[in-house]
C-alpha atoms as a PDB file:
ATOM      1  CA  MET A   1     106.098 195.909  95.515  1.00  0.00           C
ATOM      2  CA  SER A   2     103.799 197.962  97.441  1.00  0.00           C
ATOM      3  CA  LYS A   3     103.231 196.798 101.376  1.00  0.00           C
ATOM      4  CA  LEU A   4      99.583 195.941 100.531  1.00  0.00           C
ATOM      5  CA  MET A   5     100.721 193.467  97.658  1.00  0.00           C
ATOM      6  CA  ILE A   6     103.131 191.768 100.113  1.00  0.00           C
ATOM      7  CA  VAL A   7     100.543 191.302 102.626  1.00  0.00           C
ATOM      8  CA  MET A   8      97.701 190.004 100.291  1.00  0.00           C
ATOM      9  CA  LYS A   9     100.338 187.712  98.702  1.00  0.00           C
ATOM     10  CA  ASP A  10     101.316 186.117 102.019  1.00  0.00           C
ATOM     11  CA  GLU A  11      97.631 185.748 103.079  1.00  0.00           C
ATOM     12  CA  ILE A  12      96.604 183.833  99.939  1.00  0.00           C
ATOM     13  CA  GLN A  13      99.646 181.461 100.135  1.00  0.00           C
ATOM     14  CA  ARG A  14      98.576 180.747 103.870  1.00  0.00           C
ATOM     15  CA  ILE A  15      95.141 180.271 102.737  1.00  0.00           C
ATOM     16  CA  ALA A  16      96.189 178.011  99.942  1.00  0.00           C
ATOM     17  CA  ARG A  17      98.279 176.018 102.045  1.00  0.00           C
ATOM     18  CA  LYS A  18      95.382 175.509 104.794  1.00  0.00           C
ATOM     19  CA  GLU A  19      93.114 174.531 101.888  1.00  0.00           C
ATOM     20  CA  ILE A  20      95.648 172.013 100.578  1.00  0.00           C
ATOM     21  CA  LYS A  21      95.941 170.335 104.014  1.00  0.00           C
ATOM     22  CA  ALA A  22      92.367 170.196 104.450  1.00  0.00           C
ATOM     23  CA  ALA A  23      92.304 168.428 101.285  1.00  0.00           C
ATOM     24  CA  ILE A  24      95.093 166.196 101.625  1.00  0.00           C
ATOM     25  CA  GLY A  25      94.213 165.134 105.445  1.00  0.00           C
ATOM     26  CA  GLY A  26      91.861 162.621 104.395  1.00  0.00           C
ATOM     27  CA  LEU A  27      94.317 161.196 101.670  1.00  0.00           C
ATOM     28  CA  LYS A  28      96.625 160.734 104.292  1.00  0.00           C
ATOM     29  CA  LYS A  29      94.442 158.518 106.158  1.00  0.00           C
ATOM     30  CA  ASP A  30      93.542 156.472 102.998  1.00  0.00           C
ATOM     31  CA  ARG A  31      97.009 155.895 102.450  1.00  0.00           C
ATOM     32  CA  VAL A  32      97.797 154.771 105.843  1.00  0.00           C
ATOM     33  CA  ALA A  33      94.565 152.377 105.685  1.00  0.00           C
ATOM     34  CA  LEU A  34      95.517 151.130 102.300  1.00  0.00           C
ATOM     35  CA  LYS A  35      99.336 150.332 103.433  1.00  0.00           C
ATOM     36  CA  ARG A  36      97.756 148.347 106.146  1.00  0.00           C
ATOM     37  CA  ALA A  37      95.276 146.290 103.660  1.00  0.00           C
ATOM     38  CA  ALA A  38      98.264 145.801 101.645  1.00  0.00           C
ATOM     39  CA  ALA A  39     100.363 144.192 104.424  1.00  0.00           C
ATOM     40  CA  GLU A  40      97.438 142.180 105.795  1.00  0.00           C
ATOM     41  CA  LEU A  41      97.190 140.840 101.617  1.00  0.00           C
ATOM     42  CA  LYS A  42     100.937 139.872 101.529  1.00  0.00           C
ATOM     43  CA  ARG A  43     100.262 137.980 104.986  1.00  0.00           C
ATOM     44  CA  ARG A  44      97.745 136.230 103.694  1.00  0.00           C
ATOM     45  CA  VAL A  45      99.550 135.286 100.207  1.00  0.00           C
ATOM     46  CA  THR A  46     102.257 133.820 102.487  1.00  0.00           C
ATOM     47  CA  ALA A  47      99.936 131.735 104.250  1.00  0.00           C
ATOM     48  CA  GLN A  48      97.995 130.481 101.116  1.00  0.00           C
ATOM     49  CA  GLY A  49     101.356 129.744  99.570  1.00  0.00           C
ATOM     50  CA  GLU A  50     102.207 127.598 102.436  1.00  0.00           C
ATOM     51  CA  ILE A  51      99.055 125.591 101.904  1.00  0.00           C
ATOM     52  CA  VAL A  52      99.331 125.290  98.409  1.00  0.00           C
ATOM     53  CA  ASP A  53     103.020 123.818  98.714  1.00  0.00           C
ATOM     54  CA  ALA A  54     101.811 121.664 101.369  1.00  0.00           C
ATOM     55  CA  LEU A  55      99.033 120.302  99.253  1.00  0.00           C
ATOM     56  CA  ALA A  56     101.324 120.048  96.094  1.00  0.00           C
ATOM     57  CA  GLU A  57     103.519 117.640  98.533  1.00  0.00           C
ATOM     58  CA  VAL A  58     100.500 115.797  99.253  1.00  0.00           C
ATOM     59  CA  VAL A  59      99.582 115.257  95.472  1.00  0.00           C
ATOM     60  CA  GLU A  60     103.164 114.573  94.471  1.00  0.00           C
ATOM     61  CA  ARG A  61     103.380 111.746  97.151  1.00  0.00           C
ATOM     62  CA  GLN A  62      99.873 110.187  95.874  1.00  0.00           C
ATOM     63  CA  SER A  63     101.168 110.389  92.398  1.00  0.00           C
ATOM     64  CA  ARG A  64     103.990 108.113  93.152  1.00  0.00           C
ATOM     65  CA  GLN A  65     101.553 105.425  94.214  1.00  0.00           C
ATOM     66  CA  VAL A  66     100.596 103.119  91.010  1.00  0.00           C
ATOM     67  CA  ILE A  67      97.203 102.817  90.890  1.00  0.00           C
ATOM     68  CA  LEU A  68      95.860 100.028  88.369  1.00  0.00           C
ATOM     69  CA  PRO A  69      93.445 100.343  86.026  1.00  0.00           C
ATOM     70  CA  GLU A  70      90.305  98.279  86.158  1.00  0.00           C
ATOM     71  CA  ALA A  71      91.449  96.631  83.360  1.00  0.00           C
ATOM     72  CA  ARG A  72      94.477  95.227  84.924  1.00  0.00           C
ATOM     73  CA  GLN A  73      93.244  94.671  88.111  1.00  0.00           C
ATOM     74  CA  ASP A  74      91.276  91.618  86.951  1.00  0.00           C
ATOM     75  CA  LYS A  75      94.778  90.527  85.704  1.00  0.00           C
ATOM     76  CA  ALA A  76      96.593  91.253  88.984  1.00  0.00           C
ATOM     77  CA  ARG A  77      98.000  88.333  90.748  1.00  0.00           C
ATOM     78  CA  VAL A  78      96.963  87.576  94.066  1.00  0.00           C
ATOM     79  CA  THR A  79      99.145  85.021  96.179  1.00  0.00           C
ATOM     80  CA  ALA A  80      99.216  83.260  99.453  1.00  0.00           C
ATOM     81  CA  ARG A  81     102.244  85.171 100.240  1.00  0.00           C
ATOM     82  CA  GLY A  82     100.868  88.396  99.084  1.00  0.00           C
ATOM     83  CA  VAL A  83      97.689  88.054 101.261  1.00  0.00           C
ATOM     84  CA  ARG A  84      99.996  86.939 104.332  1.00  0.00           C
ATOM     85  CA  ALA A  85     102.703  89.942 103.957  1.00  0.00           C
ATOM     86  CA  LEU A  86      99.806  92.475 103.587  1.00  0.00           C
ATOM     87  CA  ARG A  87      97.824  91.055 106.450  1.00  0.00           C
ATOM     88  CA  ARG A  88     101.474  91.206 108.539  1.00  0.00           C
ATOM     89  CA  LYS A  89     102.015  94.677 107.073  1.00  0.00           C
ATOM     90  CA  LEU A  90      98.904  96.134 108.423  1.00  0.00           C
ATOM     91  CA  LYS A  91      99.436  94.308 111.739  1.00  0.00           C
ATOM     92  CA  LEU A  92      95.983  92.641 111.512  1.00  0.00           C
ATOM     93  CA  SER A  93      94.537  89.084 112.854  1.00  0.00           C
ATOM     94  CA  GLN A  94      93.333  87.095 110.115  1.00  0.00           C
ATOM     95  CA  ALA A  95      89.696  87.730 111.185  1.00  0.00           C
ATOM     96  CA  ASP A  96      90.174  91.549 111.187  1.00  0.00           C
ATOM     97  CA  PHE A  97      91.837  91.269 107.843  1.00  0.00           C
ATOM     98  CA  GLY A  98      88.804  89.264 106.826  1.00  0.00           C
ATOM     99  CA  LYS A  99      86.406  92.177 107.637  1.00  0.00           C
ATOM    100  CA  LEU A 100      88.739  94.666 105.775  1.00  0.00           C
ATOM    101  CA  VAL A 101      88.452  92.304 102.811  1.00  0.00           C
ATOM    102  CA  GLY A 102      84.790  91.391 103.293  1.00  0.00           C
ATOM    103  CA  VAL A 103      85.164  87.913 104.080  1.00  0.00           C
ATOM    104  CA  ASN A 104      85.366  85.781 107.506  1.00  0.00           C
ATOM    105  CA  GLY A 105      88.901  85.118 109.082  1.00  0.00           C
ATOM    106  CA  ILE A 106      88.459  81.065 107.980  1.00  0.00           C
ATOM    107  CA  SER A 107      88.599  82.239 104.320  1.00  0.00           C
ATOM    108  CA  ILE A 108      91.800  84.428 105.000  1.00  0.00           C
ATOM    109  CA  MET A 109      93.452  81.374 106.559  1.00  0.00           C
ATOM    110  CA  LYS A 110      92.628  79.345 103.543  1.00  0.00           C
ATOM    111  CA  TRP A 111      93.873  81.964 101.258  1.00  0.00           C
ATOM    112  CA  GLU A 112      97.351  81.971 103.443  1.00  0.00           C
ATOM    113  CA  HIS A 113      97.886  78.332 103.169  1.00  0.00           C
ATOM    114  CA  GLN A 114      97.004  77.812  99.358  1.00  0.00           C
ATOM    115  CA  SER A 115      99.805  77.696  96.706  1.00  0.00           C
ATOM    116  CA  GLY A 116      99.967  79.503  93.690  1.00  0.00           C
ATOM    117  CA  PRO A 117      97.866  82.431  92.641  1.00  0.00           C
ATOM    118  CA  LEU A 118      94.763  82.497  94.396  1.00  0.00           C
ATOM    119  CA  GLN A 119      91.234  82.101  92.486  1.00  0.00           C
ATOM    120  CA  LEU A 120      89.176  84.870  93.963  1.00  0.00           C
ATOM    121  CA  ARG A 121      85.932  85.990  93.355  1.00  0.00           C
ATOM    122  CA  SER A 122      86.113  89.438  91.632  1.00  0.00           C
ATOM    123  CA  LYS A 123      84.113  91.179  94.567  1.00  0.00           C
ATOM    124  CA  SER A 124      86.964  90.019  97.014  1.00  0.00           C
ATOM    125  CA  ARG A 125      89.718  90.597  94.384  1.00  0.00           C
ATOM    126  CA  GLN A 126      88.500  94.126  94.066  1.00  0.00           C
ATOM    127  CA  ALA A 127      88.156  94.670  97.758  1.00  0.00           C
ATOM    128  CA  PHE A 128      91.742  93.062  98.424  1.00  0.00           C
ATOM    129  CA  LEU A 129      93.436  95.247  95.701  1.00  0.00           C
ATOM    130  CA  ALA A 130      91.492  98.364  97.143  1.00  0.00           C
ATOM    131  CA  ILE A 131      93.573  98.063 100.279  1.00  0.00           C
ATOM    132  CA  ARG A 132      96.954  97.240  99.019  1.00  0.00           C
ATOM    133  CA  ASN A 133      98.096 100.931  99.200  1.00  0.00           C
ATOM    134  CA  ILE A 134      96.695 101.765 102.910  1.00  0.00           C
ATOM    135  CA  GLY A 135      98.518 102.089 106.089  1.00  0.00           C
ATOM    136  CA  VAL A 136      97.653 100.393 109.686  1.00  0.00           C
ATOM    137  CA  LYS A 137      96.072 103.760 110.894  1.00  0.00           C
ATOM    138  CA  GLU A 138      93.724 103.746 107.761  1.00  0.00           C
ATOM    139  CA  ALA A 139      92.986  99.669 108.351  1.00  0.00           C
ATOM    140  CA  ASN A 140      92.158 100.472 111.897  1.00  0.00           C
ATOM    141  CA  LEU A 141      89.876 103.016 111.248  1.00  0.00           C
ATOM    142  CA  ARG A 142      88.063 101.124 108.320  1.00  0.00           C
ATOM    143  CA  ILE A 143      87.345  97.798 110.539  1.00  0.00           C
ATOM    144  CA  GLY A 144      86.295 100.433 113.330  1.00  0.00           C
ATOM    145  CA  HIS A 145      89.419  99.987 115.923  1.00  0.00           C
END
């Protein structure tokens, strides 16, 4: 080949490389930005996965608790021993336990000293059955301690 052809070929390659670099330069920046975004999304997915696991654990714990349907709550047996045991479990006085159930402390004293199944009004029975699965902290929050 002639010298002119070699020089023109080299010049065309140089210009083509320069144009390609200019065109790809923006793509490199975009690629870096996409990699950073993907890494951030992976971190978020991991964090969300931990939250989902924690919520699943709470749901599993709550599903273990037996919730009586309303039809069976009317037939649930409430005894003096059960009232006394629940009150002691919640570490409440008779007056505070009465506030929680919606009656006065004297009624709680009478309930605890009866024998056999208690004959409670439906409102009192439902209130008592509703608090059977709460803890000490929840009981104290409900009565305002």
